[in-house]
Amino acid sequence: MAKIKHTKNELKAQRIALARFERFLPMLQLKKQQLQIEIQEIDAQLSANHRAEMELRTGTAGWAGLWAGEDAGQLPPVSVKVRLQDGNIAGVPVPVLEGVETTWQTPDLFATPAWYDDAMEALAKFVRLRLERWVLEEKRRRIAQELAYTTQRVNLFEKVKIPECRENIRIIKIFLGDQQTAAVVRGKLAKRRTLAYESGGLGPAEHKGAGQR
């Protein structure tokens, strides 16, 4: 704990700091809760994305091996266009997937295998699922990073700054109270000696010596 001055100005400064910490703490706690909820939702979305990919793999398992056949070489390249936007979650900038467009050359039905259309549709779905997963994972990474920072600040305020200010205020108030009590006692003693001198109980020399003690 840093050394503090036992003064009224320091007492005021500690009270201002305490009020500031107590004002900001609920906002930080709320932000922490929001970030935790967002991560839970993203985790659910990632699980749904994984299930969708597994279902797609299962659905295409019967003919997926044909990709390695001779006919696979006849498939044209696929063009993928991704639309990303900048989003914001609880003050955290995150990517937002606006859409994915996959296009390919219209095939010659007489020159391509029968499974061509299904294969290209499945490929487009795989691409969308993988891009969705990347965006979700990046979003989760950024939010988790902000959550860690926010949690540190919440712990700092709850366990360090607020208790420290309260303890400083307590110590300063005790010190100032003792000082005030001592001043009152000294005032009463001085008044008593003055009255004794005025009533003849003390000589001038005695009164002067009492005032110096």
Protein backbone atom coordinates (compact mmCIF):
# COMPACT_ATOMS: atom_id res chain seq x y z
CA MET A 1 0.00 0.00 0.00
CA ALA A 2 1.40 3.42 -0.96
CA LYS A 3 2.23 5.85 1.83
CA ILE A 4 -0.48 8.46 2.29
CA LYS A 5 -0.57 11.89 3.90
CA HIS A 6 -2.69 12.23 7.01
CA THR A 7 -4.36 15.46 5.96
CA LYS A 8 -7.84 16.70 5.13
CA ASN A 9 -6.83 17.22 1.51
CA GLU A 10 -5.69 13.62 1.28
CA LEU A 11 -8.93 12.48 2.89
CA LYS A 12 -10.86 14.39 0.24
CA ALA A 13 -8.74 12.91 -2.55
CA GLN A 14 -9.28 9.38 -1.25
CA ARG A 15 -13.04 9.91 -1.05
CA ILE A 16 -13.11 11.20 -4.65
CA ALA A 17 -11.08 8.20 -5.82
CA LEU A 18 -13.37 5.80 -3.95
CA ALA A 19 -16.47 7.38 -5.49
CA ARG A 20 -14.91 7.09 -8.96
CA PHE A 21 -14.01 3.42 -8.50
CA GLU A 22 -17.46 2.60 -7.11
CA ARG A 23 -19.09 4.39 -10.04
CA PHE A 24 -17.03 2.58 -12.69
CA LEU A 25 -17.14 -0.88 -11.12
CA PRO A 26 -20.82 -1.65 -11.98
CA MET A 27 -20.19 -0.65 -15.60
CA LEU A 28 -17.18 -2.95 -15.79
CA GLN A 29 -19.15 -5.78 -14.20
CA LEU A 30 -21.96 -5.29 -16.72
CA LYS A 31 -19.48 -5.30 -19.60
CA LYS A 32 -17.91 -8.48 -18.24
CA GLN A 33 -21.33 -10.17 -18.15
CA GLN A 34 -22.11 -9.03 -21.71
CA LEU A 35 -18.79 -10.39 -23.00
CA GLN A 36 -19.33 -13.70 -21.22
CA ILE A 37 -22.80 -14.02 -22.78
CA GLU A 38 -21.39 -13.21 -26.22
CA ILE A 39 -18.74 -15.91 -25.88
CA GLN A 40 -21.40 -18.44 -24.86
CA GLU A 41 -23.46 -17.52 -27.92
CA ILE A 42 -20.43 -17.75 -30.22
CA ASP A 43 -19.55 -21.16 -28.76
CA ALA A 44 -23.10 -22.32 -29.53
CA GLN A 45 -22.75 -20.99 -33.09
CA LEU A 46 -19.41 -22.76 -33.51
CA SER A 47 -20.98 -26.01 -32.33
CA ALA A 48 -23.84 -25.56 -34.81
CA ASN A 49 -21.32 -24.82 -37.56
CA HIS A 50 -19.38 -27.99 -36.73
CA ARG A 51 -22.54 -30.10 -36.74
CA ALA A 52 -23.57 -28.65 -40.09
CA GLU A 53 -20.18 -29.51 -41.60
CA MET A 54 -20.30 -33.06 -40.19
CA GLU A 55 -23.80 -33.53 -41.62
CA LEU A 56 -22.61 -32.24 -44.99
CA ARG A 57 -19.64 -34.60 -44.93
CA THR A 58 -21.92 -37.51 -44.07
CA GLY A 59 -24.31 -36.58 -46.85
CA THR A 60 -21.55 -36.45 -49.45
CA ALA A 61 -19.55 -39.45 -48.24
CA GLY A 62 -21.15 -41.72 -50.83
CA TRP A 63 -19.68 -39.94 -53.83
CA ALA A 64 -16.91 -37.71 -52.37
CA GLY A 65 -14.29 -40.20 -53.58
CA LEU A 66 -15.18 -39.32 -57.14
CA TRP A 67 -13.28 -36.04 -56.68
CA ALA A 68 -10.10 -38.03 -57.06
CA GLY A 69 -11.26 -39.66 -60.30
CA GLU A 70 -10.48 -38.63 -63.79
CA ASP A 71 -13.67 -36.62 -64.12
CA ALA A 72 -12.63 -34.33 -61.28
CA GLY A 73 -10.03 -32.74 -63.50
CA GLN A 74 -12.77 -31.44 -65.74
CA LEU A 75 -14.27 -29.26 -62.99
CA PRO A 76 -13.69 -25.53 -63.46
CA PRO A 77 -12.26 -23.31 -60.68
CA VAL A 78 -14.69 -21.85 -58.15
CA SER A 79 -14.80 -18.10 -57.53
CA VAL A 80 -15.53 -17.01 -53.98
CA LYS A 81 -16.58 -13.48 -53.05
CA VAL A 82 -16.74 -12.64 -49.35
CA ARG A 83 -18.49 -9.59 -47.89
CA LEU A 84 -17.21 -8.58 -44.47
CA GLN A 85 -18.36 -5.65 -42.35
CA ASP A 86 -16.98 -4.08 -39.19
CA GLY A 87 -19.16 -4.81 -36.17
CA ASN A 88 -19.04 -3.84 -32.51
CA ILE A 89 -19.85 -5.94 -29.46
CA ALA A 90 -19.66 -4.21 -26.07
CA GLY A 91 -17.06 -1.82 -27.46
CA VAL A 92 -15.02 -4.56 -29.16
CA PRO A 93 -14.51 -4.25 -32.96
CA VAL A 94 -15.35 -7.59 -34.58
CA PRO A 95 -15.76 -8.89 -38.14
CA VAL A 96 -19.26 -9.60 -39.40
CA LEU A 97 -19.86 -11.94 -42.31
CA GLU A 98 -22.42 -10.24 -44.52
CA GLY A 99 -22.44 -12.88 -47.23
CA VAL A 100 -20.53 -15.38 -49.32
CA GLU A 101 -21.00 -15.78 -53.05
CA THR A 102 -19.60 -18.81 -54.84
CA THR A 103 -19.76 -18.95 -58.62
CA TRP A 104 -18.49 -21.34 -61.23
CA GLN A 105 -18.82 -21.79 -64.96
CA THR A 106 -22.06 -23.30 -66.15
CA PRO A 107 -21.16 -26.85 -67.15
CA ASP A 108 -21.78 -28.67 -70.35
CA LEU A 109 -24.26 -31.28 -69.21
CA PHE A 110 -22.95 -33.69 -71.83
CA ALA A 111 -19.30 -33.19 -70.89
CA THR A 112 -19.53 -33.32 -67.07
CA PRO A 113 -20.34 -36.22 -64.78
CA ALA A 114 -23.85 -36.64 -63.36
CA TRP A 115 -22.75 -35.77 -59.85
CA TYR A 116 -21.26 -32.43 -60.94
CA ASP A 117 -24.12 -30.18 -59.74
CA ASP A 118 -24.33 -31.86 -56.34
CA ALA A 119 -20.57 -31.66 -55.95
CA MET A 120 -20.41 -27.96 -56.73
CA GLU A 121 -23.29 -27.20 -54.36
CA ALA A 122 -21.60 -29.19 -51.61
CA LEU A 123 -18.33 -27.39 -52.25
CA ALA A 124 -20.08 -24.02 -52.00
CA LYS A 125 -21.62 -25.05 -48.67
CA PHE A 126 -18.22 -26.18 -47.37
CA VAL A 127 -16.73 -22.82 -48.32
CA ARG A 128 -19.50 -20.90 -46.54
CA LEU A 129 -19.21 -23.05 -43.41
CA ARG A 130 -15.44 -22.62 -43.26
CA LEU A 131 -15.67 -18.87 -43.69
CA GLU A 132 -18.38 -18.65 -41.05
CA ARG A 133 -16.16 -20.64 -38.70
CA TRP A 134 -13.19 -18.35 -39.34
CA VAL A 135 -15.28 -15.24 -38.60
CA LEU A 136 -16.73 -16.81 -35.45
CA GLU A 137 -13.29 -17.88 -34.20
CA GLU A 138 -11.83 -14.43 -34.86
CA LYS A 139 -14.77 -12.79 -33.14
CA ARG A 140 -14.38 -15.11 -30.16
CA ARG A 141 -10.63 -14.41 -29.95
CA ARG A 142 -11.14 -10.66 -29.82
CA ILE A 143 -13.97 -10.85 -27.30
CA ALA A 144 -12.04 -13.30 -25.09
CA GLN A 145 -9.08 -10.90 -25.13
CA GLU A 146 -11.31 -8.01 -24.06
CA LEU A 147 -12.96 -10.21 -21.42
CA ALA A 148 -9.58 -11.03 -19.89
CA TYR A 149 -8.69 -7.32 -19.74
CA THR A 150 -12.09 -6.38 -18.29
CA THR A 151 -11.87 -9.15 -15.69
CA GLN A 152 -8.47 -7.84 -14.60
CA ARG A 153 -9.93 -4.35 -14.13
CA VAL A 154 -12.92 -5.70 -12.20
CA ASN A 155 -10.60 -7.63 -9.88
CA LEU A 156 -8.33 -4.61 -9.51
CA PHE A 157 -11.22 -2.38 -8.48
CA GLU A 158 -12.95 -4.98 -6.27
CA LYS A 159 -9.93 -6.46 -4.52
CA VAL A 160 -7.36 -3.65 -4.54
CA LYS A 161 -8.44 -0.11 -5.28
CA ILE A 162 -11.77 0.08 -3.42
CA PRO A 163 -10.53 -1.73 -0.26
CA GLU A 164 -7.35 0.36 -0.35
CA CYS A 165 -9.27 3.64 -0.53
CA ARG A 166 -11.61 2.57 2.27
CA GLU A 167 -8.67 1.62 4.47
CA ASN A 168 -6.87 4.89 3.70
CA ILE A 169 -10.00 6.85 4.60
CA ARG A 170 -10.33 4.93 7.85
CA ILE A 171 -6.70 5.55 8.82
CA ILE A 172 -6.81 9.26 7.95
CA LYS A 173 -10.08 9.76 9.87
CA ILE A 174 -8.61 8.07 12.94
CA PHE A 175 -5.48 10.23 12.72
CA LEU A 176 -7.43 13.46 12.25
CA GLY A 177 -9.78 12.46 15.05
CA ASP A 178 -6.85 11.88 17.38
CA GLN A 179 -5.37 15.22 16.36
CA GLN A 180 -8.66 16.97 17.05
CA THR A 181 -9.01 15.25 20.42
CA ALA A 182 -5.46 16.23 21.36
CA ALA A 183 -6.14 19.82 20.31
CA VAL A 184 -9.28 19.92 22.47
CA VAL A 185 -7.36 18.54 25.44
CA ARG A 186 -4.58 21.07 24.99
CA GLY A 187 -7.16 23.85 24.72
CA LYS A 188 -8.86 22.78 27.95
CA LEU A 189 -5.54 22.59 29.78
CA ALA A 190 -4.54 26.05 28.56
CA LYS A 191 -7.91 27.45 29.57
CA ARG A 192 -7.62 25.86 32.99
CA ARG A 193 -4.17 27.36 33.56
CA THR A 194 -5.38 30.76 32.40
CA LEU A 195 -8.29 30.66 34.83
CA ALA A 196 -5.97 29.54 37.62
CA TYR A 197 -3.61 32.42 36.90
CA GLU A 198 -6.41 34.95 36.80
CA SER A 199 -7.74 33.68 40.11
CA GLY A 200 -4.31 33.90 41.69
CA GLY A 201 -3.59 30.21 41.76
CA LEU A 202 -0.45 30.60 39.61
CA GLY A 203 2.17 33.28 39.57
CA PRO A 204 3.27 34.92 36.32
CA ALA A 205 6.41 32.77 36.24
CA GLU A 206 4.43 29.59 36.85
CA HIS A 207 1.85 30.55 34.26
CA LYS A 208 4.57 31.24 31.69
CA GLY A 209 6.28 27.93 32.45
CA ALA A 210 2.96 26.06 32.17
CA GLY A 211 2.32 27.61 28.78
CA GLN A 212 5.71 26.43 27.53
CA ARG A 213 5.10 22.81 28.49
